[in-house]
Structure formats: C-alpha cells, structure tokens
Amino acid sequence: ISLDPGGQRMLVDGAPVALTPLEFRLLTALLRG
C-alpha cells in the first residue's frame, strides 16, 4: 500500500485504486499511525 496525495488515490501493489475523499483521509490517518 502506498498513497498518491496528488491524485488522492492509493496504490495497491503498484496499481491505482480510487478513493473517496473521506476514505483517503482515513487511510492517511491510519498510515501516519
């Protein structure tokens, strides 16, 4: 898992996965944890 802040999406095994803005914020908070 990695995040692309510019595209507000995550990459799973290098493949882009679209997130809603709320999902992106949740995932960002969890990764920062």
All heavy atoms as atom14 arrays in JSON, in Angstrom:
{
  "sequence": "ISLDPGGQRMLVDGAPVALTPLEFRLLTALLRG",
  "atom14_mask": [
    [1, 1, 1, 1, 1, 1, 1, 1, 0, 0, 0, 0, 0, 0],
    [1, 1, 1, 1, 1, 1, 0, 0, 0, 0, 0, 0, 0, 0],
    [1, 1, 1, 1, 1, 1, 1, 1, 0, 0, 0, 0, 0, 0],
    [1, 1, 1, 1, 1, 1, 1, 1, 0, 0, 0, 0, 0, 0],
    [1, 1, 1, 1, 1, 1, 1, 0, 0, 0, 0, 0, 0, 0],
    [1, 1, 1, 1, 0, 0, 0, 0, 0, 0, 0, 0, 0, 0],
    [1, 1, 1, 1, 0, 0, 0, 0, 0, 0, 0, 0, 0, 0],
    [1, 1, 1, 1, 1, 1, 1, 1, 1, 0, 0, 0, 0, 0],
    [1, 1, 1, 1, 1, 1, 1, 1, 1, 1, 1, 0, 0, 0],
    [1, 1, 1, 1, 1, 1, 1, 1, 0, 0, 0, 0, 0, 0],
    [1, 1, 1, 1, 1, 1, 1, 1, 0, 0, 0, 0, 0, 0],
    [1, 1, 1, 1, 1, 1, 1, 0, 0, 0, 0, 0, 0, 0],
    [1, 1, 1, 1, 1, 1, 1, 1, 0, 0, 0, 0, 0, 0],
    [1, 1, 1, 1, 0, 0, 0, 0, 0, 0, 0, 0, 0, 0],
    [1, 1, 1, 1, 1, 0, 0, 0, 0, 0, 0, 0, 0, 0],
    [1, 1, 1, 1, 1, 1, 1, 0, 0, 0, 0, 0, 0, 0],
    [1, 1, 1, 1, 1, 1, 1, 0, 0, 0, 0, 0, 0, 0],
    [1, 1, 1, 1, 1, 0, 0, 0, 0, 0, 0, 0, 0, 0],
    [1, 1, 1, 1, 1, 1, 1, 1, 0, 0, 0, 0, 0, 0],
    [1, 1, 1, 1, 1, 1, 1, 0, 0, 0, 0, 0, 0, 0],
    [1, 1, 1, 1, 1, 1, 1, 0, 0, 0, 0, 0, 0, 0],
    [1, 1, 1, 1, 1, 1, 1, 1, 0, 0, 0, 0, 0, 0],
    [1, 1, 1, 1, 1, 1, 1, 1, 1, 0, 0, 0, 0, 0],
    [1, 1, 1, 1, 1, 1, 1, 1, 1, 1, 1, 0, 0, 0],
    [1, 1, 1, 1, 1, 1, 1, 1, 1, 1, 1, 0, 0, 0],
    [1, 1, 1, 1, 1, 1, 1, 1, 0, 0, 0, 0, 0, 0],
    [1, 1, 1, 1, 1, 1, 1, 1, 0, 0, 0, 0, 0, 0],
    [1, 1, 1, 1, 1, 1, 1, 0, 0, 0, 0, 0, 0, 0],
    [1, 1, 1, 1, 1, 0, 0, 0, 0, 0, 0, 0, 0, 0],
    [1, 1, 1, 1, 1, 1, 1, 1, 0, 0, 0, 0, 0, 0],
    [1, 1, 1, 1, 1, 1, 1, 1, 0, 0, 0, 0, 0, 0],
    [1, 1, 1, 1, 1, 1, 1, 1, 1, 1, 1, 0, 0, 0],
    [1, 1, 1, 1, 0, 0, 0, 0, 0, 0, 0, 0, 0, 0]
  ],
  "atom14_positions": [
    [[0.83, -1.21, 0.0], [0.0, 0.0, 0.0], [0.86, 1.25, 0.0], [1.77, 1.38, 0.8], [-0.9, 0.05, 1.25], [-1.77, -1.2, 1.35], [-1.78, 1.3, 1.23], [-2.48, -1.32, 2.67], [0.0, 0.0, 0.0], [0.0, 0.0, 0.0], [0.0, 0.0, 0.0], [0.0, 0.0, 0.0], [0.0, 0.0, 0.0], [0.0, 0.0, 0.0]],
    [[0.55, 2.17, -0.9], [1.16, 3.5, -0.85], [0.09, 4.51, -1.27], [-0.91, 4.14, -1.87], [2.39, 3.59, -1.75], [2.05, 3.34, -3.08], [0.0, 0.0, 0.0], [0.0, 0.0, 0.0], [0.0, 0.0, 0.0], [0.0, 0.0, 0.0], [0.0, 0.0, 0.0], [0.0, 0.0, 0.0], [0.0, 0.0, 0.0], [0.0, 0.0, 0.0]],
    [[0.32, 5.76, -0.92], [-0.64, 6.81, -1.25], [-0.07, 7.76, -2.28], [1.11, 8.07, -2.26], [-1.02, 7.6, 0.0], [-1.89, 6.89, 1.02], [-2.21, 7.82, 2.18], [-3.17, 6.38, 0.4], [0.0, 0.0, 0.0], [0.0, 0.0, 0.0], [0.0, 0.0, 0.0], [0.0, 0.0, 0.0], [0.0, 0.0, 0.0], [0.0, 0.0, 0.0]],
    [[-0.93, 8.22, -3.16], [-0.61, 9.25, -4.14], [-1.42, 10.48, -3.76], [-2.59, 10.6, -4.14], [-0.98, 8.76, -5.54], [-0.89, 9.86, -6.59], [-0.31, 10.93, -6.31], [-1.42, 9.65, -7.7], [0.0, 0.0, 0.0], [0.0, 0.0, 0.0], [0.0, 0.0, 0.0], [0.0, 0.0, 0.0], [0.0, 0.0, 0.0], [0.0, 0.0, 0.0]],
    [[-0.82, 11.4, -2.93], [-1.59, 12.56, -2.46], [-2.1, 13.44, -3.59], [-3.2, 13.97, -3.51], [-0.6, 13.32, -1.59], [0.47, 12.35, -1.26], [0.52, 11.37, -2.4], [0.0, 0.0, 0.0], [0.0, 0.0, 0.0], [0.0, 0.0, 0.0], [0.0, 0.0, 0.0], [0.0, 0.0, 0.0], [0.0, 0.0, 0.0], [0.0, 0.0, 0.0]],
    [[-1.33, 13.6, -4.65], [-1.75, 14.45, -5.75], [-3.0, 13.93, -6.44], [-3.89, 14.68, -6.8], [0.0, 0.0, 0.0], [0.0, 0.0, 0.0], [0.0, 0.0, 0.0], [0.0, 0.0, 0.0], [0.0, 0.0, 0.0], [0.0, 0.0, 0.0], [0.0, 0.0, 0.0], [0.0, 0.0, 0.0], [0.0, 0.0, 0.0], [0.0, 0.0, 0.0]],
    [[-3.06, 12.62, -6.6], [-4.21, 12.01, -7.27], [-5.28, 11.57, -6.29], [-6.31, 11.05, -6.7], [0.0, 0.0, 0.0], [0.0, 0.0, 0.0], [0.0, 0.0, 0.0], [0.0, 0.0, 0.0], [0.0, 0.0, 0.0], [0.0, 0.0, 0.0], [0.0, 0.0, 0.0], [0.0, 0.0, 0.0], [0.0, 0.0, 0.0], [0.0, 0.0, 0.0]],
    [[-5.04, 11.79, -5.02], [-5.92, 11.36, -3.94], [-6.41, 9.93, -4.17], [-7.59, 9.62, -4.19], [-7.1, 12.31, -3.78], [-7.73, 12.21, -2.41], [-8.62, 13.37, -2.08], [-9.55, 13.67, -2.82], [-8.37, 14.0, -0.96], [0.0, 0.0, 0.0], [0.0, 0.0, 0.0], [0.0, 0.0, 0.0], [0.0, 0.0, 0.0], [0.0, 0.0, 0.0]],
    [[-5.43, 9.05, -4.34], [-5.72, 7.64, -4.54], [-4.64, 6.83, -3.86], [-3.6, 7.35, -3.46], [-5.77, 7.3, -6.02], [-4.44, 7.5, -6.69], [-4.47, 7.26, -8.16], [-3.13, 7.5, -8.68], [-2.79, 7.37, -9.92], [-3.67, 6.99, -10.81], [-1.56, 7.59, -10.3], [0.0, 0.0, 0.0], [0.0, 0.0, 0.0], [0.0, 0.0, 0.0]],
    [[-4.9, 5.57, -3.7], [-3.88, 4.69, -3.16], [-3.41, 3.78, -4.28], [-4.09, 3.58, -5.29], [-4.42, 3.88, -1.99], [-5.42, 2.82, -2.33], [-5.9, 1.9, -0.87], [-7.47, 1.28, -1.41], [0.0, 0.0, 0.0], [0.0, 0.0, 0.0], [0.0, 0.0, 0.0], [0.0, 0.0, 0.0], [0.0, 0.0, 0.0], [0.0, 0.0, 0.0]],
    [[-2.22, 3.27, -4.07], [-1.67, 2.27, -4.97], [-1.57, 0.98, -4.19], [-1.04, 0.95, -3.08], [-0.28, 2.69, -5.46], [-0.21, 4.02, -6.21], [1.23, 4.39, -6.48], [-1.01, 3.96, -7.49], [0.0, 0.0, 0.0], [0.0, 0.0, 0.0], [0.0, 0.0, 0.0], [0.0, 0.0, 0.0], [0.0, 0.0, 0.0], [0.0, 0.0, 0.0]],
    [[-2.12, -0.08, -4.74], [-2.04, -1.4, -4.12], [-1.23, -2.27, -5.07], [-1.64, -2.5, -6.21], [-3.44, -2.01, -3.87], [-3.32, -3.4, -3.29], [-4.24, -1.11, -2.94], [0.0, 0.0, 0.0], [0.0, 0.0, 0.0], [0.0, 0.0, 0.0], [0.0, 0.0, 0.0], [0.0, 0.0, 0.0], [0.0, 0.0, 0.0], [0.0, 0.0, 0.0]],
    [[-0.07, -2.69, -4.6], [0.87, -3.44, -5.44], [1.13, -2.7, -6.75], [1.22, -3.3, -7.81], [0.36, -4.86, -5.69], [0.36, -5.7, -4.43], [1.31, -5.55, -3.62], [-0.58, -6.5, -4.24], [0.0, 0.0, 0.0], [0.0, 0.0, 0.0], [0.0, 0.0, 0.0], [0.0, 0.0, 0.0], [0.0, 0.0, 0.0], [0.0, 0.0, 0.0]],
    [[1.22, -1.37, -6.66], [1.54, -0.54, -7.82], [0.36, -0.15, -8.69], [0.49, 0.7, -9.55], [0.0, 0.0, 0.0], [0.0, 0.0, 0.0], [0.0, 0.0, 0.0], [0.0, 0.0, 0.0], [0.0, 0.0, 0.0], [0.0, 0.0, 0.0], [0.0, 0.0, 0.0], [0.0, 0.0, 0.0], [0.0, 0.0, 0.0], [0.0, 0.0, 0.0]],
    [[-0.8, -0.76, -8.46], [-1.98, -0.45, -9.27], [-2.82, 0.63, -8.58], [-3.09, 0.53, -7.39], [-2.82, -1.71, -9.48], [0.0, 0.0, 0.0], [0.0, 0.0, 0.0], [0.0, 0.0, 0.0], [0.0, 0.0, 0.0], [0.0, 0.0, 0.0], [0.0, 0.0, 0.0], [0.0, 0.0, 0.0], [0.0, 0.0, 0.0], [0.0, 0.0, 0.0]],
    [[-3.23, 1.67, -9.33], [-4.01, 2.74, -8.71], [-5.41, 2.26, -8.33], [-6.05, 1.5, -9.05], [-4.08, 3.81, -9.8], [-3.8, 3.1, -11.07], [-2.97, 1.89, -10.74], [0.0, 0.0, 0.0], [0.0, 0.0, 0.0], [0.0, 0.0, 0.0], [0.0, 0.0, 0.0], [0.0, 0.0, 0.0], [0.0, 0.0, 0.0], [0.0, 0.0, 0.0]],
    [[-5.86, 2.72, -7.17], [-7.2, 2.44, -6.67], [-7.81, 3.76, -6.22], [-7.25, 4.44, -5.36], [-7.18, 1.44, -5.49], [-8.57, 1.2, -4.95], [-6.53, 0.12, -5.9], [0.0, 0.0, 0.0], [0.0, 0.0, 0.0], [0.0, 0.0, 0.0], [0.0, 0.0, 0.0], [0.0, 0.0, 0.0], [0.0, 0.0, 0.0], [0.0, 0.0, 0.0]],
    [[-8.94, 4.13, -6.81], [-9.59, 5.4, -6.47], [-10.21, 5.32, -5.08], [-10.73, 4.28, -4.68], [-10.66, 5.72, -7.5], [0.0, 0.0, 0.0], [0.0, 0.0, 0.0], [0.0, 0.0, 0.0], [0.0, 0.0, 0.0], [0.0, 0.0, 0.0], [0.0, 0.0, 0.0], [0.0, 0.0, 0.0], [0.0, 0.0, 0.0], [0.0, 0.0, 0.0]],
    [[-10.12, 6.41, -4.34], [-10.73, 6.53, -3.03], [-11.62, 7.76, -2.99], [-11.35, 8.74, -3.68], [-9.65, 6.69, -1.94], [-8.68, 5.56, -1.71], [-7.58, 6.0, -0.76], [-9.39, 4.34, -1.16], [0.0, 0.0, 0.0], [0.0, 0.0, 0.0], [0.0, 0.0, 0.0], [0.0, 0.0, 0.0], [0.0, 0.0, 0.0], [0.0, 0.0, 0.0]],
    [[-12.66, 7.71, -2.16], [-13.44, 8.92, -1.92], [-12.57, 9.82, -1.04], [-11.6, 9.35, -0.41], [-14.75, 8.61, -1.18], [-14.45, 8.15, 0.14], [-15.58, 7.57, -1.92], [0.0, 0.0, 0.0], [0.0, 0.0, 0.0], [0.0, 0.0, 0.0], [0.0, 0.0, 0.0], [0.0, 0.0, 0.0], [0.0, 0.0, 0.0], [0.0, 0.0, 0.0]],
    [[-12.88, 11.11, -0.97], [-12.09, 11.99, -0.1], [-12.05, 11.53, 1.36], [-11.01, 11.59, 2.01], [-12.79, 13.35, -0.23], [-13.38, 13.31, -1.61], [-13.83, 11.88, -1.78], [0.0, 0.0, 0.0], [0.0, 0.0, 0.0], [0.0, 0.0, 0.0], [0.0, 0.0, 0.0], [0.0, 0.0, 0.0], [0.0, 0.0, 0.0], [0.0, 0.0, 0.0]],
    [[-13.17, 11.03, 1.89], [-13.19, 10.54, 3.28], [-12.33, 9.29, 3.44], [-11.61, 9.14, 4.43], [-14.62, 10.26, 3.73], [-15.47, 11.5, 3.98], [-16.91, 11.11, 4.24], [-14.92, 12.3, 5.14], [0.0, 0.0, 0.0], [0.0, 0.0, 0.0], [0.0, 0.0, 0.0], [0.0, 0.0, 0.0], [0.0, 0.0, 0.0], [0.0, 0.0, 0.0]],
    [[-12.41, 8.37, 2.48], [-11.58, 7.17, 2.55], [-10.1, 7.54, 2.51], [-9.29, 6.98, 3.24], [-11.91, 6.23, 1.38], [-13.27, 5.58, 1.49], [-13.71, 4.88, 0.22], [-13.1, 5.09, -0.85], [-14.7, 4.13, 0.29], [0.0, 0.0, 0.0], [0.0, 0.0, 0.0], [0.0, 0.0, 0.0], [0.0, 0.0, 0.0], [0.0, 0.0, 0.0]],
    [[-9.75, 8.51, 1.66], [-8.36, 8.94, 1.56], [-7.88, 9.52, 2.89], [-6.79, 9.21, 3.35], [-8.2, 9.97, 0.43], [-6.78, 10.34, 0.19], [-5.96, 9.53, -0.58], [-6.24, 11.5, 0.73], [-4.63, 9.86, -0.8], [-4.92, 11.84, 0.52], [-4.11, 11.03, -0.25], [0.0, 0.0, 0.0], [0.0, 0.0, 0.0], [0.0, 0.0, 0.0]],
    [[-8.7, 10.36, 3.53], [-8.32, 10.94, 4.82], [-8.18, 9.87, 5.9], [-7.26, 9.93, 6.7], [-9.32, 12.03, 5.22], [-9.16, 13.24, 4.32], [-9.98, 14.47, 4.59], [-10.9, 14.52, 5.67], [-12.13, 15.02, 5.57], [-12.58, 15.44, 4.4], [-12.91, 15.1, 6.62], [0.0, 0.0, 0.0], [0.0, 0.0, 0.0], [0.0, 0.0, 0.0]],
    [[-9.08, 8.91, 5.91], [-8.97, 7.82, 6.89], [-7.69, 7.02, 6.67], [-6.96, 6.73, 7.63], [-10.17, 6.86, 6.76], [-11.38, 7.15, 7.58], [-12.51, 6.2, 7.2], [-11.08, 7.03, 9.05], [0.0, 0.0, 0.0], [0.0, 0.0, 0.0], [0.0, 0.0, 0.0], [0.0, 0.0, 0.0], [0.0, 0.0, 0.0], [0.0, 0.0, 0.0]],
    [[-7.43, 6.66, 5.45], [-6.24, 5.86, 5.15], [-4.97, 6.64, 5.48], [-4.01, 6.08, 6.01], [-6.25, 5.44, 3.68], [-5.31, 4.31, 3.3], [-5.58, 3.06, 4.11], [-5.43, 4.0, 1.83], [0.0, 0.0, 0.0], [0.0, 0.0, 0.0], [0.0, 0.0, 0.0], [0.0, 0.0, 0.0], [0.0, 0.0, 0.0], [0.0, 0.0, 0.0]],
    [[-4.96, 7.93, 5.2], [-3.81, 8.77, 5.54], [-3.58, 8.77, 7.04], [-2.45, 8.59, 7.51], [-4.02, 10.21, 5.03], [-4.16, 10.18, 3.61], [-2.87, 11.1, 5.4], [0.0, 0.0, 0.0], [0.0, 0.0, 0.0], [0.0, 0.0, 0.0], [0.0, 0.0, 0.0], [0.0, 0.0, 0.0], [0.0, 0.0, 0.0], [0.0, 0.0, 0.0]],
    [[-4.64, 8.93, 7.82], [-4.52, 8.93, 9.29], [-4.01, 7.59, 9.79], [-3.14, 7.53, 10.68], [-5.87, 9.25, 9.93], [0.0, 0.0, 0.0], [0.0, 0.0, 0.0], [0.0, 0.0, 0.0], [0.0, 0.0, 0.0], [0.0, 0.0, 0.0], [0.0, 0.0, 0.0], [0.0, 0.0, 0.0], [0.0, 0.0, 0.0], [0.0, 0.0, 0.0]],
    [[-4.49, 6.51, 9.21], [-4.04, 5.18, 9.64], [-2.58, 4.94, 9.28], [-1.82, 4.39, 10.08], [-4.94, 4.1, 9.03], [-6.34, 4.04, 9.61], [-7.26, 3.21, 8.73], [-6.3, 3.49, 11.03], [0.0, 0.0, 0.0], [0.0, 0.0, 0.0], [0.0, 0.0, 0.0], [0.0, 0.0, 0.0], [0.0, 0.0, 0.0], [0.0, 0.0, 0.0]],
    [[-2.16, 5.36, 8.09], [-0.76, 5.2, 7.7], [0.16, 6.03, 8.58], [1.23, 5.6, 8.94], [-0.57, 5.56, 6.22], [-1.02, 4.49, 5.23], [-1.01, 5.04, 3.81], [-0.15, 3.25, 5.33], [0.0, 0.0, 0.0], [0.0, 0.0, 0.0], [0.0, 0.0, 0.0], [0.0, 0.0, 0.0], [0.0, 0.0, 0.0], [0.0, 0.0, 0.0]],
    [[-0.29, 7.22, 8.95], [0.52, 8.07, 9.85], [0.65, 7.44, 11.23], [1.61, 7.69, 11.94], [-0.1, 9.45, 9.98], [0.14, 10.32, 8.79], [-0.35, 11.73, 9.03], [-0.17, 12.51, 7.82], [-1.02, 13.39, 7.37], [-2.14, 13.64, 8.03], [-0.78, 14.06, 6.27], [0.0, 0.0, 0.0], [0.0, 0.0, 0.0], [0.0, 0.0, 0.0]],
    [[-0.34, 6.63, 11.61], [-0.29, 5.94, 12.89], [0.8, 4.9, 12.96], [1.16, 4.43, 14.03], [0.0, 0.0, 0.0], [0.0, 0.0, 0.0], [0.0, 0.0, 0.0], [0.0, 0.0, 0.0], [0.0, 0.0, 0.0], [0.0, 0.0, 0.0], [0.0, 0.0, 0.0], [0.0, 0.0, 0.0], [0.0, 0.0, 0.0], [0.0, 0.0, 0.0]]
  ]
}
